[in-house]
Amino acid sequence: MRDHYDFSKGGRNPYAKHLKRQVTIRLDLDTLEYFKTLAADSRVPYQTLINLYLRECATSRKKLVFR
């Protein structure tokens, strides 16, 4: 490992806008349990499943119906 690294010619990450951002979200216990069960069955982290579902809703412009 070097003692010094030169980052003077480094640039911004061109993919930075595609990176994820950490947020805090409050979910009902039954909703969280649902995604955790799906995660156990599919071996995909539950946070990833929630993100995939929300992304699908956003891209399809799904609207909530409040009752």
Protein backbone atom coordinates (compact mmCIF):
# COMPACT_ATOMS: atom_id res chain seq x y z
CA MET A 1 0.00 0.00 0.00
CA ARG A 2 1.33 3.44 -0.87
CA ASP A 3 2.03 6.14 1.68
CA HIS A 4 0.48 8.79 -0.59
CA TYR A 5 -2.17 8.73 -3.29
CA ASP A 6 -2.61 11.56 -5.82
CA PHE A 7 -6.27 12.45 -6.33
CA SER A 8 -5.57 15.81 -7.98
CA LYS A 9 -6.67 14.47 -11.38
CA GLY A 10 -9.75 12.75 -9.97
CA GLY A 11 -13.21 13.74 -11.06
CA ARG A 12 -16.75 13.47 -9.82
CA ASN A 13 -18.50 10.14 -9.99
CA PRO A 14 -20.63 10.25 -13.18
CA TYR A 15 -22.96 7.66 -11.66
CA ALA A 16 -23.56 9.60 -8.43
CA LYS A 17 -27.13 10.51 -9.42
CA HIS A 18 -27.90 6.79 -9.65
CA LEU A 19 -26.66 6.02 -6.15
CA LYS A 20 -29.07 5.30 -3.34
CA ARG A 21 -29.76 7.60 -0.44
CA GLN A 22 -30.33 6.41 3.09
CA VAL A 23 -33.66 7.49 4.58
CA THR A 24 -35.67 6.70 7.67
CA ILE A 25 -39.15 5.39 7.05
CA ARG A 26 -41.79 4.21 9.48
CA LEU A 27 -43.67 1.09 8.38
CA ASP A 28 -46.51 -0.82 9.98
CA LEU A 29 -45.34 -4.04 11.60
CA ASP A 30 -47.49 -6.20 9.33
CA THR A 31 -46.09 -4.45 6.23
CA LEU A 32 -42.54 -4.97 7.41
CA GLU A 33 -43.25 -8.61 8.25
CA TYR A 34 -44.73 -9.12 4.77
CA PHE A 35 -41.55 -7.88 3.07
CA LYS A 36 -39.32 -9.81 5.46
CA THR A 37 -41.24 -13.00 4.64
CA LEU A 38 -40.86 -12.31 0.92
CA ALA A 39 -37.17 -11.67 1.52
CA ALA A 40 -36.70 -15.00 3.28
CA ASP A 41 -38.47 -16.83 0.46
CA SER A 42 -36.58 -15.08 -2.33
CA ARG A 43 -33.23 -14.64 -0.54
CA VAL A 44 -33.25 -10.93 -1.43
CA PRO A 45 -32.85 -8.34 1.36
CA TYR A 46 -36.19 -6.88 2.41
CA GLN A 47 -34.93 -3.32 1.86
CA THR A 48 -34.21 -4.23 -1.76
CA LEU A 49 -37.70 -5.67 -2.18
CA ILE A 50 -39.29 -2.53 -0.76
CA ASN A 51 -37.14 -0.40 -3.09
CA LEU A 52 -38.08 -2.52 -6.11
CA TYR A 53 -41.78 -2.26 -5.28
CA LEU A 54 -41.63 1.50 -4.76
CA ARG A 55 -39.64 1.95 -7.98
CA GLU A 56 -42.24 -0.07 -9.90
CA CYS A 57 -45.00 2.13 -8.44
CA ALA A 58 -43.08 5.28 -9.38
CA THR A 59 -42.27 4.23 -12.94
CA SER A 60 -45.82 3.11 -13.64
CA ARG A 61 -47.16 6.31 -12.01
CA LYS A 62 -49.37 4.23 -9.75
CA LYS A 63 -51.68 6.44 -7.68
CA LEU A 64 -53.01 5.62 -4.25
CA VAL A 65 -56.73 5.54 -3.63
CA PHE A 66 -57.47 6.95 -0.19
CA ARG A 67 -60.59 5.60 1.45
